[in-house]
Amino acid sequence: MRVSFAPIGSVPPFDAGTQTIALPPGLDSAHAVIAARAILTELAIVQPLFGAVCFCGEPLDLSPRIPEQRRSDNQVVKHA
């Protein structure tokens, strides 16, 4: 099972076709675990006391693959 970060309402919380859970971007790690556990519990996947696990029992990796970047209007981009 995969975890993606997407704005609320832009994708369903669970996509069965891709086996992906969607969490809101910007959640700290504690809130990401709570949100993932809530979705998994709705899917009737029993969760351990700590963390979140897939239906197969593997722990979920809740860290974003690409960190959010800070941008400003004064940012200058140079290409070599």
N, C-alpha and C. Protein backbone atom coordinates (compact mmCIF):
# COMPACT_ATOMS: atom_id res chain seq x y z
N MET A 1 0.84 -1.16 0.00
CA MET A 1 0.00 0.00 0.00
C MET A 1 0.89 1.23 0.00
N ARG A 2 0.49 2.22 -0.77
CA ARG A 2 1.26 3.46 -0.89
C ARG A 2 0.56 4.58 -0.15
N VAL A 3 1.32 5.61 0.15
CA VAL A 3 0.78 6.81 0.77
C VAL A 3 1.16 7.99 -0.11
N SER A 4 0.16 8.82 -0.43
CA SER A 4 0.44 10.04 -1.19
C SER A 4 -0.07 11.22 -0.38
N PHE A 5 0.42 12.39 -0.69
CA PHE A 5 -0.02 13.62 -0.03
C PHE A 5 -0.68 14.49 -1.08
N ALA A 6 -1.98 14.79 -0.87
CA ALA A 6 -2.76 15.56 -1.83
C ALA A 6 -3.75 16.43 -1.07
N PRO A 7 -4.10 17.60 -1.62
CA PRO A 7 -5.08 18.47 -0.95
C PRO A 7 -6.40 17.74 -0.72
N ILE A 8 -7.04 18.06 0.39
CA ILE A 8 -8.31 17.42 0.75
C ILE A 8 -9.34 17.67 -0.36
N GLY A 9 -10.01 16.62 -0.77
CA GLY A 9 -11.04 16.71 -1.80
C GLY A 9 -10.53 16.54 -3.21
N SER A 10 -9.21 16.56 -3.41
CA SER A 10 -8.69 16.43 -4.78
C SER A 10 -8.64 14.97 -5.23
N VAL A 11 -8.50 14.06 -4.29
CA VAL A 11 -8.51 12.62 -4.57
C VAL A 11 -9.24 11.92 -3.43
N PRO A 12 -9.74 10.71 -3.65
CA PRO A 12 -10.40 10.00 -2.55
C PRO A 12 -9.38 9.60 -1.49
N PRO A 13 -9.81 9.44 -0.22
CA PRO A 13 -8.87 9.04 0.83
C PRO A 13 -8.21 7.69 0.55
N PHE A 14 -8.90 6.77 -0.14
CA PHE A 14 -8.30 5.49 -0.52
C PHE A 14 -8.69 5.18 -1.95
N ASP A 15 -7.70 4.87 -2.77
CA ASP A 15 -7.93 4.48 -4.16
C ASP A 15 -7.61 2.99 -4.27
N ALA A 16 -8.65 2.18 -4.43
CA ALA A 16 -8.47 0.72 -4.49
C ALA A 16 -7.68 0.29 -5.72
N GLY A 17 -7.81 1.02 -6.82
CA GLY A 17 -7.11 0.66 -8.05
C GLY A 17 -5.60 0.76 -7.92
N THR A 18 -5.14 1.77 -7.22
CA THR A 18 -3.70 1.96 -7.05
C THR A 18 -3.22 1.58 -5.65
N GLN A 19 -4.17 1.16 -4.79
CA GLN A 19 -3.85 0.82 -3.41
C GLN A 19 -3.11 1.96 -2.72
N THR A 20 -3.67 3.18 -2.85
CA THR A 20 -3.03 4.38 -2.32
C THR A 20 -3.93 5.08 -1.32
N ILE A 21 -3.35 5.47 -0.20
CA ILE A 21 -4.02 6.31 0.80
C ILE A 21 -3.56 7.73 0.55
N ALA A 22 -4.49 8.68 0.54
CA ALA A 22 -4.16 10.08 0.34
C ALA A 22 -4.32 10.83 1.66
N LEU A 23 -3.24 11.50 2.06
CA LEU A 23 -3.25 12.32 3.26
C LEU A 23 -3.03 13.78 2.88
N PRO A 24 -3.56 14.71 3.68
CA PRO A 24 -3.33 16.13 3.38
C PRO A 24 -1.85 16.48 3.51
N PRO A 25 -1.34 17.34 2.63
CA PRO A 25 0.05 17.75 2.74
C PRO A 25 0.25 18.63 3.97
N GLY A 26 1.46 18.65 4.49
CA GLY A 26 1.78 19.52 5.60
C GLY A 26 1.49 18.94 6.98
N LEU A 27 1.02 17.70 7.05
CA LEU A 27 0.78 17.08 8.36
C LEU A 27 2.12 16.74 9.01
N ASP A 28 2.21 16.99 10.33
CA ASP A 28 3.41 16.51 11.02
C ASP A 28 3.28 15.00 11.16
N SER A 29 4.35 14.34 11.58
CA SER A 29 4.37 12.88 11.58
C SER A 29 3.30 12.28 12.48
N ALA A 30 3.03 12.89 13.63
CA ALA A 30 2.01 12.34 14.54
C ALA A 30 0.62 12.41 13.93
N HIS A 31 0.30 13.53 13.28
CA HIS A 31 -1.02 13.66 12.67
C HIS A 31 -1.14 12.80 11.41
N ALA A 32 -0.04 12.58 10.69
CA ALA A 32 -0.08 11.71 9.52
C ALA A 32 -0.41 10.28 9.94
N VAL A 33 0.16 9.83 11.05
CA VAL A 33 -0.13 8.48 11.55
C VAL A 33 -1.59 8.37 11.96
N ILE A 34 -2.10 9.39 12.66
CA ILE A 34 -3.51 9.39 13.09
C ILE A 34 -4.43 9.32 11.88
N ALA A 35 -4.16 10.14 10.85
CA ALA A 35 -5.00 10.17 9.65
C ALA A 35 -4.94 8.83 8.91
N ALA A 36 -3.74 8.28 8.77
CA ALA A 36 -3.60 6.99 8.08
C ALA A 36 -4.32 5.89 8.84
N ARG A 37 -4.17 5.87 10.15
CA ARG A 37 -4.85 4.85 10.96
C ARG A 37 -6.36 4.97 10.83
N ALA A 38 -6.88 6.19 10.76
CA ALA A 38 -8.32 6.39 10.61
C ALA A 38 -8.82 5.81 9.29
N ILE A 39 -8.09 6.06 8.21
CA ILE A 39 -8.47 5.52 6.90
C ILE A 39 -8.39 4.00 6.92
N LEU A 40 -7.30 3.46 7.45
CA LEU A 40 -7.12 2.01 7.48
C LEU A 40 -8.17 1.33 8.36
N THR A 41 -8.55 1.97 9.45
CA THR A 41 -9.59 1.41 10.31
C THR A 41 -10.93 1.38 9.58
N GLU A 42 -11.23 2.41 8.79
CA GLU A 42 -12.45 2.42 7.98
C GLU A 42 -12.44 1.28 6.96
N LEU A 43 -11.25 0.86 6.54
CA LEU A 43 -11.12 -0.24 5.59
C LEU A 43 -11.09 -1.59 6.31
N ALA A 44 -11.32 -1.59 7.62
CA ALA A 44 -11.35 -2.80 8.46
C ALA A 44 -9.99 -3.48 8.55
N ILE A 45 -8.92 -2.68 8.50
CA ILE A 45 -7.58 -3.21 8.68
C ILE A 45 -7.18 -2.96 10.12
N VAL A 46 -7.00 -4.03 10.88
CA VAL A 46 -6.67 -3.93 12.30
C VAL A 46 -5.30 -3.27 12.45
N GLN A 47 -5.22 -2.27 13.31
CA GLN A 47 -3.99 -1.53 13.53
C GLN A 47 -3.35 -1.91 14.85
N PRO A 48 -1.99 -1.89 14.89
CA PRO A 48 -1.30 -2.19 16.15
C PRO A 48 -1.44 -1.01 17.11
N LEU A 49 -0.91 -1.16 18.29
CA LEU A 49 -0.97 -0.11 19.28
C LEU A 49 -0.27 1.16 18.81
N PHE A 50 0.86 1.02 18.12
CA PHE A 50 1.63 2.15 17.62
C PHE A 50 1.86 2.01 16.13
N GLY A 51 1.91 3.13 15.42
CA GLY A 51 2.18 3.12 13.99
C GLY A 51 0.95 2.76 13.17
N ALA A 52 1.17 2.56 11.89
CA ALA A 52 0.11 2.18 10.96
C ALA A 52 0.64 1.08 10.06
N VAL A 53 -0.19 0.08 9.82
CA VAL A 53 0.24 -1.04 8.97
C VAL A 53 -0.75 -1.27 7.83
N CYS A 54 -0.22 -1.80 6.76
CA CYS A 54 -0.97 -2.19 5.57
C CYS A 54 -1.78 -3.46 5.90
N PHE A 55 -2.68 -3.85 5.01
CA PHE A 55 -3.45 -5.08 5.19
C PHE A 55 -2.56 -6.31 5.24
N CYS A 56 -1.35 -6.20 4.65
CA CYS A 56 -0.41 -7.33 4.66
C CYS A 56 0.42 -7.38 5.94
N GLY A 57 0.33 -6.34 6.78
CA GLY A 57 1.06 -6.30 8.03
C GLY A 57 2.34 -5.48 8.00
N GLU A 58 2.74 -5.01 6.81
CA GLU A 58 3.94 -4.19 6.69
C GLU A 58 3.66 -2.77 7.20
N PRO A 59 4.62 -2.16 7.91
CA PRO A 59 4.43 -0.78 8.36
C PRO A 59 4.38 0.18 7.16
N LEU A 60 3.55 1.22 7.28
CA LEU A 60 3.46 2.22 6.22
C LEU A 60 4.56 3.25 6.38
N ASP A 61 5.13 3.67 5.26
CA ASP A 61 6.11 4.75 5.24
C ASP A 61 5.33 6.04 5.02
N LEU A 62 5.22 6.86 6.04
CA LEU A 62 4.40 8.06 5.97
C LEU A 62 5.21 9.32 5.69
N SER A 63 6.47 9.18 5.32
CA SER A 63 7.27 10.36 5.01
C SER A 63 7.04 10.75 3.55
N PRO A 64 6.89 12.05 3.29
CA PRO A 64 6.69 12.48 1.90
C PRO A 64 7.91 12.13 1.05
N ARG A 65 7.68 11.72 -0.18
CA ARG A 65 8.78 11.37 -1.08
C ARG A 65 9.55 12.62 -1.52
N ILE A 66 8.83 13.70 -1.78
CA ILE A 66 9.44 14.96 -2.20
C ILE A 66 9.04 16.01 -1.18
N PRO A 67 9.99 16.54 -0.42
CA PRO A 67 9.62 17.53 0.59
C PRO A 67 9.07 18.80 -0.04
N GLU A 68 8.19 19.47 0.70
CA GLU A 68 7.66 20.73 0.22
C GLU A 68 8.78 21.74 0.13
N GLN A 69 8.75 22.55 -0.93
CA GLN A 69 9.79 23.54 -1.12
C GLN A 69 9.25 24.91 -0.79
N ARG A 70 10.11 25.72 -0.26
CA ARG A 70 9.73 27.10 0.02
C ARG A 70 10.00 27.93 -1.21
N ARG A 71 9.05 28.77 -1.54
CA ARG A 71 9.21 29.63 -2.71
C ARG A 71 8.86 31.05 -2.32
N SER A 72 9.50 31.97 -2.98
CA SER A 72 9.17 33.37 -2.77
C SER A 72 9.19 34.07 -4.12
N ASP A 73 8.64 35.26 -4.17
CA ASP A 73 8.63 36.02 -5.41
C ASP A 73 10.03 36.49 -5.79
N ASN A 74 10.95 36.51 -4.83
CA ASN A 74 12.30 36.99 -5.07
C ASN A 74 13.26 35.89 -5.48
N GLN A 75 12.75 34.69 -5.64
CA GLN A 75 13.61 33.55 -5.96
C GLN A 75 14.13 33.69 -7.40
N VAL A 76 15.43 33.48 -7.56
CA VAL A 76 16.04 33.54 -8.88
C VAL A 76 16.56 32.15 -9.21
N VAL A 77 16.24 31.66 -10.40
CA VAL A 77 16.68 30.36 -10.82
C VAL A 77 17.67 30.53 -11.97
N LYS A 78 18.83 29.91 -11.82
CA LYS A 78 19.86 30.00 -12.87
C LYS A 78 20.12 28.60 -13.39
N HIS A 79 20.25 28.47 -14.68
CA HIS A 79 20.55 27.18 -15.30
C HIS A 79 21.96 27.23 -15.84
N ALA A 80 22.70 26.15 -15.69
CA ALA A 80 24.09 26.11 -16.18
C ALA A 80 24.13 25.80 -17.65
